[in-house]
Amino acid sequence: MDEEYPDQDTEQDLDAERAVAIGPPTGDARVDAAVAGLSRLNGTPAEDHVAILEEAHGRLRDILGELAEDQGHPEDPKGRP
């Protein structure tokens, strides 16, 4: 193998594989802010990921609950919309 051109299969950019993809804006600033919080996963130790994911999940559940209430559909006793 030529040293100038290493085999790309063995020379992987692991940082690119671990990057968090953030989707396009949703049109709801609250949802966009909750999803943007996932960008904190980059550079954060793996043991902190659960807390970050739970925070985003909780914010999204709260938003769904508010939307359900606005449309006249109160949440059930178990907290599901």
PDB file of N, CA and C in Angstrom:
ATOM      1  N   MET A   1       0.848  -1.172   0.000  1.00  0.00           N
ATOM      2  CA  MET A   1       0.000   0.000   0.000  1.00  0.00           C
ATOM      3  C   MET A   1       0.896   1.237   0.000  1.00  0.00           C
ATOM      4  N   ASP A   2       0.527   2.245  -0.768  1.00  0.00           N
ATOM      5  CA  ASP A   2       1.284   3.486  -0.875  1.00  0.00           C
ATOM      6  C   ASP A   2       1.047   4.327   0.374  1.00  0.00           C
ATOM      7  N   GLU A   3       2.108   4.791   1.027  1.00  0.00           N
ATOM      8  CA  GLU A   3       1.999   5.565   2.263  1.00  0.00           C
ATOM      9  C   GLU A   3       1.323   6.918   2.055  1.00  0.00           C
ATOM     10  N   GLU A   4       1.365   7.449   0.831  1.00  0.00           N
ATOM     11  CA  GLU A   4       0.735   8.741   0.571  1.00  0.00           C
ATOM     12  C   GLU A   4      -0.785   8.641   0.563  1.00  0.00           C
ATOM     13  N   TYR A   5      -1.313   7.460   0.289  1.00  0.00           N
ATOM     14  CA  TYR A   5      -2.759   7.269   0.189  1.00  0.00           C
ATOM     15  C   TYR A   5      -3.196   6.125   1.105  1.00  0.00           C
ATOM     16  N   PRO A   6      -3.364   6.423   2.389  1.00  0.00           N
ATOM     17  CA  PRO A   6      -3.764   5.338   3.299  1.00  0.00           C
ATOM     18  C   PRO A   6      -5.153   4.802   2.943  1.00  0.00           C
ATOM     19  N   ASP A   7      -5.372   3.574   3.279  1.00  0.00           N
ATOM     20  CA  ASP A   7      -6.660   2.931   3.042  1.00  0.00           C
ATOM     21  C   ASP A   7      -7.732   3.660   3.840  1.00  0.00           C
ATOM     22  N   GLN A   8      -8.695   4.233   3.157  1.00  0.00           N
ATOM     23  CA  GLN A   8      -9.717   5.024   3.835  1.00  0.00           C
ATOM     24  C   GLN A   8     -10.600   4.186   4.748  1.00  0.00           C
ATOM     25  N   ASP A   9     -10.724   2.902   4.465  1.00  0.00           N
ATOM     26  CA  ASP A   9     -11.528   2.051   5.334  1.00  0.00           C
ATOM     27  C   ASP A   9     -10.918   1.904   6.719  1.00  0.00           C
ATOM     28  N   THR A  10      -9.592   1.952   6.799  1.00  0.00           N
ATOM     29  CA  THR A  10      -8.956   1.805   8.099  1.00  0.00           C
ATOM     30  C   THR A  10      -8.694   3.144   8.774  1.00  0.00           C
ATOM     31  N   GLU A  11      -8.736   4.239   8.012  1.00  0.00           N
ATOM     32  CA  GLU A  11      -8.505   5.580   8.553  1.00  0.00           C
ATOM     33  C   GLU A  11      -9.842   6.299   8.696  1.00  0.00           C
ATOM     34  N   GLN A  12     -10.624   5.925   9.680  1.00  0.00           N
ATOM     35  CA  GLN A  12     -11.944   6.520   9.868  1.00  0.00           C
ATOM     36  C   GLN A  12     -11.858   7.754  10.735  1.00  0.00           C
ATOM     37  N   ASP A  13     -12.703   8.724  10.430  1.00  0.00           N
ATOM     38  CA  ASP A  13     -12.812   9.921  11.254  1.00  0.00           C
ATOM     39  C   ASP A  13     -13.897   9.662  12.292  1.00  0.00           C
ATOM     40  N   LEU A  14     -13.505   9.190  13.455  1.00  0.00           N
ATOM     41  CA  LEU A  14     -14.467   8.826  14.487  1.00  0.00           C
ATOM     42  C   LEU A  14     -15.245  10.029  14.996  1.00  0.00           C
ATOM     43  N   ASP A  15     -14.647  11.220  14.991  1.00  0.00           N
ATOM     44  CA  ASP A  15     -15.377  12.403  15.428  1.00  0.00           C
ATOM     45  C   ASP A  15     -16.573  12.662  14.529  1.00  0.00           C
ATOM     46  N   ALA A  16     -16.434  12.454  13.233  1.00  0.00           N
ATOM     47  CA  ALA A  16     -17.551  12.664  12.311  1.00  0.00           C
ATOM     48  C   ALA A  16     -18.658  11.655  12.581  1.00  0.00           C
ATOM     49  N   GLU A  17     -18.295  10.436  12.938  1.00  0.00           N
ATOM     50  CA  GLU A  17     -19.300   9.415  13.219  1.00  0.00           C
ATOM     51  C   GLU A  17     -20.072   9.727  14.487  1.00  0.00           C
ATOM     52  N   ARG A  18     -19.445  10.423  15.409  1.00  0.00           N
ATOM     53  CA  ARG A  18     -20.071  10.712  16.698  1.00  0.00           C
ATOM     54  C   ARG A  18     -20.791  12.053  16.712  1.00  0.00           C
ATOM     55  N   ALA A  19     -20.756  12.779  15.631  1.00  0.00           N
ATOM     56  CA  ALA A  19     -21.396  14.095  15.568  1.00  0.00           C
ATOM     57  C   ALA A  19     -22.906  13.938  15.722  1.00  0.00           C
ATOM     58  N   VAL A  20     -23.527  14.897  16.392  1.00  0.00           N
ATOM     59  CA  VAL A  20     -24.975  14.888  16.579  1.00  0.00           C
ATOM     60  C   VAL A  20     -25.601  15.662  15.436  1.00  0.00           C
ATOM     61  N   ALA A  21     -26.467  15.021  14.701  1.00  0.00           N
ATOM     62  CA  ALA A  21     -27.149  15.682  13.589  1.00  0.00           C
ATOM     63  C   ALA A  21     -28.383  16.397  14.123  1.00  0.00           C
ATOM     64  N   ILE A  22     -28.476  17.671  13.814  1.00  0.00           N
ATOM     65  CA  ILE A  22     -29.644  18.453  14.204  1.00  0.00           C
ATOM     66  C   ILE A  22     -30.451  18.703  12.945  1.00  0.00           C
ATOM     67  N   GLY A  23     -31.731  18.378  12.996  1.00  0.00           N
ATOM     68  CA  GLY A  23     -32.594  18.515  11.832  1.00  0.00           C
ATOM     69  C   GLY A  23     -32.982  19.949  11.536  1.00  0.00           C
ATOM     70  N   PRO A  24     -33.768  20.120  10.502  1.00  0.00           N
ATOM     71  CA  PRO A  24     -34.210  21.461  10.122  1.00  0.00           C
ATOM     72  C   PRO A  24     -35.171  22.021  11.167  1.00  0.00           C
ATOM     73  N   PRO A  25     -35.358  23.334  11.183  1.00  0.00           N
ATOM     74  CA  PRO A  25     -36.289  23.943  12.142  1.00  0.00           C
ATOM     75  C   PRO A  25     -37.695  23.354  11.992  1.00  0.00           C
ATOM     76  N   THR A  26     -38.376  23.236  13.115  1.00  0.00           N
ATOM     77  CA  THR A  26     -39.715  22.647  13.102  1.00  0.00           C
ATOM     78  C   THR A  26     -40.812  23.682  12.938  1.00  0.00           C
ATOM     79  N   GLY A  27     -40.477  24.938  13.189  1.00  0.00           N
ATOM     80  CA  GLY A  27     -41.497  25.984  13.150  1.00  0.00           C
ATOM     81  C   GLY A  27     -42.018  26.311  14.536  1.00  0.00           C
ATOM     82  N   ASP A  28     -41.637  25.526  15.532  1.00  0.00           N
ATOM     83  CA  ASP A  28     -42.018  25.795  16.919  1.00  0.00           C
ATOM     84  C   ASP A  28     -40.724  26.080  17.684  1.00  0.00           C
ATOM     85  N   ALA A  29     -40.562  27.305  18.134  1.00  0.00           N
ATOM     86  CA  ALA A  29     -39.318  27.709  18.799  1.00  0.00           C
ATOM     87  C   ALA A  29     -39.025  26.862  20.022  1.00  0.00           C
ATOM     88  N   ARG A  30     -40.066  26.421  20.745  1.00  0.00           N
ATOM     89  CA  ARG A  30     -39.853  25.593  21.941  1.00  0.00           C
ATOM     90  C   ARG A  30     -39.261  24.243  21.577  1.00  0.00           C
ATOM     91  N   VAL A  31     -39.772  23.642  20.513  1.00  0.00           N
ATOM     92  CA  VAL A  31     -39.267  22.339  20.054  1.00  0.00           C
ATOM     93  C   VAL A  31     -37.839  22.495  19.544  1.00  0.00           C
ATOM     94  N   ASP A  32     -37.623  23.543  18.756  1.00  0.00           N
ATOM     95  CA  ASP A  32     -36.281  23.779  18.225  1.00  0.00           C
ATOM     96  C   ASP A  32     -35.268  23.970  19.350  1.00  0.00           C
ATOM     97  N   ALA A  33     -35.651  24.673  20.398  1.00  0.00           N
ATOM     98  CA  ALA A  33     -34.746  24.889  21.528  1.00  0.00           C
ATOM     99  C   ALA A  33     -34.451  23.567  22.250  1.00  0.00           C
ATOM    100  N   ALA A  34     -35.476  22.732  22.420  1.00  0.00           N
ATOM    101  CA  ALA A  34     -35.274  21.441  23.086  1.00  0.00           C
ATOM    102  C   ALA A  34     -34.339  20.556  22.270  1.00  0.00           C
ATOM    103  N   VAL A  35     -34.541  20.512  20.967  1.00  0.00           N
ATOM    104  CA  VAL A  35     -33.696  19.690  20.098  1.00  0.00           C
ATOM    105  C   VAL A  35     -32.281  20.260  20.041  1.00  0.00           C
ATOM    106  N   ALA A  36     -32.152  21.588  20.015  1.00  0.00           N
ATOM    107  CA  ALA A  36     -30.833  22.217  19.978  1.00  0.00           C
ATOM    108  C   ALA A  36     -30.020  21.857  21.221  1.00  0.00           C
ATOM    109  N   GLY A  37     -30.700  21.580  22.334  1.00  0.00           N
ATOM    110  CA  GLY A  37     -30.001  21.177  23.547  1.00  0.00           C
ATOM    111  C   GLY A  37     -29.219  19.889  23.374  1.00  0.00           C
ATOM    112  N   LEU A  38     -29.584  19.091  22.371  1.00  0.00           N
ATOM    113  CA  LEU A  38     -28.861  17.843  22.109  1.00  0.00           C
ATOM    114  C   LEU A  38     -27.454  18.102  21.600  1.00  0.00           C
ATOM    115  N   SER A  39     -27.197  19.300  21.110  1.00  0.00           N
ATOM    116  CA  SER A  39     -25.842  19.620  20.644  1.00  0.00           C
ATOM    117  C   SER A  39     -24.838  19.560  21.788  1.00  0.00           C
ATOM    118  N   ARG A  40     -25.319  19.623  23.018  1.00  0.00           N
ATOM    119  CA  ARG A  40     -24.431  19.499  24.182  1.00  0.00           C
ATOM    120  C   ARG A  40     -23.822  18.105  24.297  1.00  0.00           C
ATOM    121  N   LEU A  41     -24.364  17.136  23.557  1.00  0.00           N
ATOM    122  CA  LEU A  41     -23.813  15.781  23.587  1.00  0.00           C
ATOM    123  C   LEU A  41     -22.394  15.756  23.046  1.00  0.00           C
ATOM    124  N   ASN A  42     -22.113  16.600  22.054  1.00  0.00           N
ATOM    125  CA  ASN A  42     -20.766  16.655  21.483  1.00  0.00           C
ATOM    126  C   ASN A  42     -19.775  17.116  22.535  1.00  0.00           C
ATOM    127  N   GLY A  43     -18.751  16.338  22.737  1.00  0.00           N
ATOM    128  CA  GLY A  43     -17.706  16.698  23.681  1.00  0.00           C
ATOM    129  C   GLY A  43     -18.047  16.443  25.133  1.00  0.00           C
ATOM    130  N   THR A  44     -19.208  15.854  25.383  1.00  0.00           N
ATOM    131  CA  THR A  44     -19.625  15.550  26.752  1.00  0.00           C
ATOM    132  C   THR A  44     -19.334  14.079  27.040  1.00  0.00           C
ATOM    133  N   PRO A  45     -18.835  13.769  28.217  1.00  0.00           N
ATOM    134  CA  PRO A  45     -18.582  12.359  28.550  1.00  0.00           C
ATOM    135  C   PRO A  45     -19.856  11.525  28.435  1.00  0.00           C
ATOM    136  N   ALA A  46     -19.706  10.297  28.007  1.00  0.00           N
ATOM    137  CA  ALA A  46     -20.850   9.413  27.780  1.00  0.00           C
ATOM    138  C   ALA A  46     -21.741   9.288  29.019  1.00  0.00           C
ATOM    139  N   GLU A  47     -21.157   9.312  30.199  1.00  0.00           N
ATOM    140  CA  GLU A  47     -21.976   9.158  31.410  1.00  0.00           C
ATOM    141  C   GLU A  47     -22.919  10.344  31.623  1.00  0.00           C
ATOM    142  N   ASP A  48     -22.682  11.466  30.954  1.00  0.00           N
ATOM    143  CA  ASP A  48     -23.571  12.630  31.058  1.00  0.00           C
ATOM    144  C   ASP A  48     -24.649  12.642  29.984  1.00  0.00           C
ATOM    145  N   HIS A  49     -24.567  11.746  29.008  1.00  0.00           N
ATOM    146  CA  HIS A  49     -25.522  11.740  27.905  1.00  0.00           C
ATOM    147  C   HIS A  49     -26.946  11.461  28.358  1.00  0.00           C
ATOM    148  N   VAL A  50     -27.127  10.561  29.301  1.00  0.00           N
ATOM    149  CA  VAL A  50     -28.475  10.217  29.755  1.00  0.00           C
ATOM    150  C   VAL A  50     -29.190  11.450  30.292  1.00  0.00           C
ATOM    151  N   ALA A  51     -28.521  12.250  31.093  1.00  0.00           N
ATOM    152  CA  ALA A  51     -29.140  13.449  31.664  1.00  0.00           C
ATOM    153  C   ALA A  51     -29.534  14.444  30.569  1.00  0.00           C
ATOM    154  N   ILE A  52     -28.677  14.600  29.572  1.00  0.00           N
ATOM    155  CA  ILE A  52     -28.970  15.528  28.479  1.00  0.00           C
ATOM    156  C   ILE A  52     -30.162  15.028  27.670  1.00  0.00           C
ATOM    157  N   LEU A  53     -30.190  13.729  27.373  1.00  0.00           N
ATOM    158  CA  LEU A  53     -31.300  13.149  26.622  1.00  0.00           C
ATOM    159  C   LEU A  53     -32.604  13.226  27.413  1.00  0.00           C
ATOM    160  N   GLU A  54     -32.538  12.957  28.716  1.00  0.00           N
ATOM    161  CA  GLU A  54     -33.742  13.028  29.544  1.00  0.00           C
ATOM    162  C   GLU A  54     -34.277  14.454  29.620  1.00  0.00           C
ATOM    163  N   GLU A  55     -33.384  15.434  29.663  1.00  0.00           N
ATOM    164  CA  GLU A  55     -33.825  16.830  29.696  1.00  0.00           C
ATOM    165  C   GLU A  55     -34.561  17.188  28.410  1.00  0.00           C
ATOM    166  N   ALA A  56     -33.997  16.823  27.268  1.00  0.00           N
ATOM    167  CA  ALA A  56     -34.656  17.116  25.986  1.00  0.00           C
ATOM    168  C   ALA A  56     -35.983  16.373  25.893  1.00  0.00           C
ATOM    169  N   HIS A  57     -35.996  15.120  26.305  1.00  0.00           N
ATOM    170  CA  HIS A  57     -37.226  14.325  26.270  1.00  0.00           C
ATOM    171  C   HIS A  57     -38.307  14.953  27.152  1.00  0.00           C
ATOM    172  N   GLY A  58     -37.930  15.374  28.344  1.00  0.00           N
ATOM    173  CA  GLY A  58     -38.881  16.004  29.256  1.00  0.00           C
ATOM    174  C   GLY A  58     -39.455  17.291  28.683  1.00  0.00           C
ATOM    175  N   ARG A  59     -38.600  18.099  28.078  1.00  0.00           N
ATOM    176  CA  ARG A  59     -39.076  19.350  27.481  1.00  0.00           C
ATOM    177  C   ARG A  59     -40.045  19.065  26.346  1.00  0.00           C
ATOM    178  N   LEU A  60     -39.732  18.071  25.511  1.00  0.00           N
ATOM    179  CA  LEU A  60     -40.615  17.727  24.398  1.00  0.00           C
ATOM    180  C   LEU A  60     -41.944  17.173  24.901  1.00  0.00           C
ATOM    181  N   ARG A  61     -41.919  16.366  25.955  1.00  0.00           N
ATOM    182  CA  ARG A  61     -43.171  15.849  26.535  1.00  0.00           C
ATOM    183  C   ARG A  61     -44.020  16.987  27.086  1.00  0.00           C
ATOM    184  N   ASP A  62     -43.378  17.966  27.743  1.00  0.00           N
ATOM    185  CA  ASP A  62     -44.116  19.118  28.264  1.00  0.00           C
ATOM    186  C   ASP A  62     -44.788  19.890  27.133  1.00  0.00           C
ATOM    187  N   ILE A  63     -44.063  20.070  26.045  1.00  0.00           N
ATOM    188  CA  ILE A  63     -44.620  20.792  24.895  1.00  0.00           C
ATOM    189  C   ILE A  63     -45.805  20.033  24.321  1.00  0.00           C
ATOM    190  N   LEU A  64     -45.679  18.724  24.180  1.00  0.00           N
ATOM    191  CA  LEU A  64     -46.801  17.924  23.678  1.00  0.00           C
ATOM    192  C   LEU A  64     -48.004  18.011  24.608  1.00  0.00           C
ATOM    193  N   GLY A  65     -47.751  18.003  25.904  1.00  0.00           N
ATOM    194  CA  GLY A  65     -48.842  18.142  26.870  1.00  0.00           C
ATOM    195  C   GLY A  65     -49.543  19.476  26.733  1.00  0.00           C
ATOM    196  N   GLU A  66     -48.763  20.549  26.546  1.00  0.00           N
ATOM    197  CA  GLU A  66     -49.366  21.877  26.353  1.00  0.00           C
ATOM    198  C   GLU A  66     -50.188  21.923  25.076  1.00  0.00           C
ATOM    199  N   LEU A  67     -49.674  21.330  24.020  1.00  0.00           N
ATOM    200  CA  LEU A  67     -50.409  21.312  22.758  1.00  0.00           C
ATOM    201  C   LEU A  67     -51.714  20.531  22.885  1.00  0.00           C
ATOM    202  N   ALA A  68     -51.669  19.412  23.606  1.00  0.00           N
ATOM    203  CA  ALA A  68     -52.870  18.604  23.803  1.00  0.00           C
ATOM    204  C   ALA A  68     -53.911  19.387  24.599  1.00  0.00           C
ATOM    205  N   GLU A  69     -53.474  20.110  25.629  1.00  0.00           N
ATOM    206  CA  GLU A  69     -54.401  20.913  26.425  1.00  0.00           C
ATOM    207  C   GLU A  69     -55.015  22.030  25.586  1.00  0.00           C
ATOM    208  N   ASP A  70     -54.211  22.654  24.739  1.00  0.00           N
ATOM    209  CA  ASP A  70     -54.703  23.728  23.878  1.00  0.00           C
ATOM    210  C   ASP A  70     -55.762  23.230  22.905  1.00  0.00           C
ATOM    211  N   GLN A  71     -55.694  21.957  22.548  1.00  0.00           N
ATOM    212  CA  GLN A  71     -56.654  21.391  21.605  1.00  0.00           C
ATOM    213  C   GLN A  71     -57.801  20.672  22.315  1.00  0.00           C
ATOM    214  N   GLY A  72     -57.871  20.814  23.631  1.00  0.00           N
ATOM    215  CA  GLY A  72     -58.969  20.216  24.381  1.00  0.00           C
ATOM    216  C   GLY A  72     -58.798  18.749  24.683  1.00  0.00           C
ATOM    217  N   HIS A  73     -57.586  18.249  24.637  1.00  0.00           N
ATOM    218  CA  HIS A  73     -57.307  16.851  24.952  1.00  0.00           C
ATOM    219  C   HIS A  73     -56.410  16.801  26.173  1.00  0.00           C
ATOM    220  N   PRO A  74     -56.971  16.805  27.396  1.00  0.00           N
ATOM    221  CA  PRO A  74     -56.114  16.749  28.578  1.00  0.00           C
ATOM    222  C   PRO A  74     -55.337  15.443  28.632  1.00  0.00           C
ATOM    223  N   GLU A  75     -54.197  15.489  29.269  1.00  0.00           N
ATOM    224  CA  GLU A  75     -53.365  14.297  29.414  1.00  0.00           C
ATOM    225  C   GLU A  75     -54.073  13.280  30.298  1.00  0.00           C
ATOM    226  N   ASP A  76     -53.768  12.004  30.071  1.00  0.00           N
ATOM    227  CA  ASP A  76     -54.340  10.970  30.929  1.00  0.00           C
ATOM    228  C   ASP A  76     -53.605  10.956  32.276  1.00  0.00           C
ATOM    229  N   PRO A  77     -54.112  10.248  33.271  1.00  0.00           N
ATOM    230  CA  PRO A  77     -53.503  10.239  34.606  1.00  0.00           C
ATOM    231  C   PRO A  77     -52.056   9.759  34.634  1.00  0.00           C
ATOM    232  N   LYS A  78     -51.636   8.977  33.633  1.00  0.00           N
ATOM    233  CA  LYS A  78     -50.267   8.481  33.607  1.00  0.00           C
ATOM    234  C   LYS A  78     -49.323   9.491  32.959  1.00  0.00           C
ATOM    235  N   GLY A  79     -49.821  10.653  32.556  1.00  0.00           N
ATOM    236  CA  GLY A  79     -48.978  11.688  31.991  1.00  0.00           C
ATOM    237  C   GLY A  79     -48.770  11.599  30.501  1.00  0.00           C
ATOM    238  N   ARG A  80     -49.518  10.681  29.835  1.00  0.00           N
ATOM    239  CA  ARG A  80     -49.377  10.571  28.397  1.00  0.00           C
ATOM    240  C   ARG A  80     -50.381  11.486  27.730  1.00  0.00           C
ATOM    241  N   PRO A  81     -49.959  12.164  26.659  1.00  0.00           N
ATOM    242  CA  PRO A  81     -50.918  13.033  25.939  1.00  0.00           C
ATOM    243  C   PRO A  81     -51.956  12.230  25.220  1.00  0.00           C
TER     244      PRO A  81
END
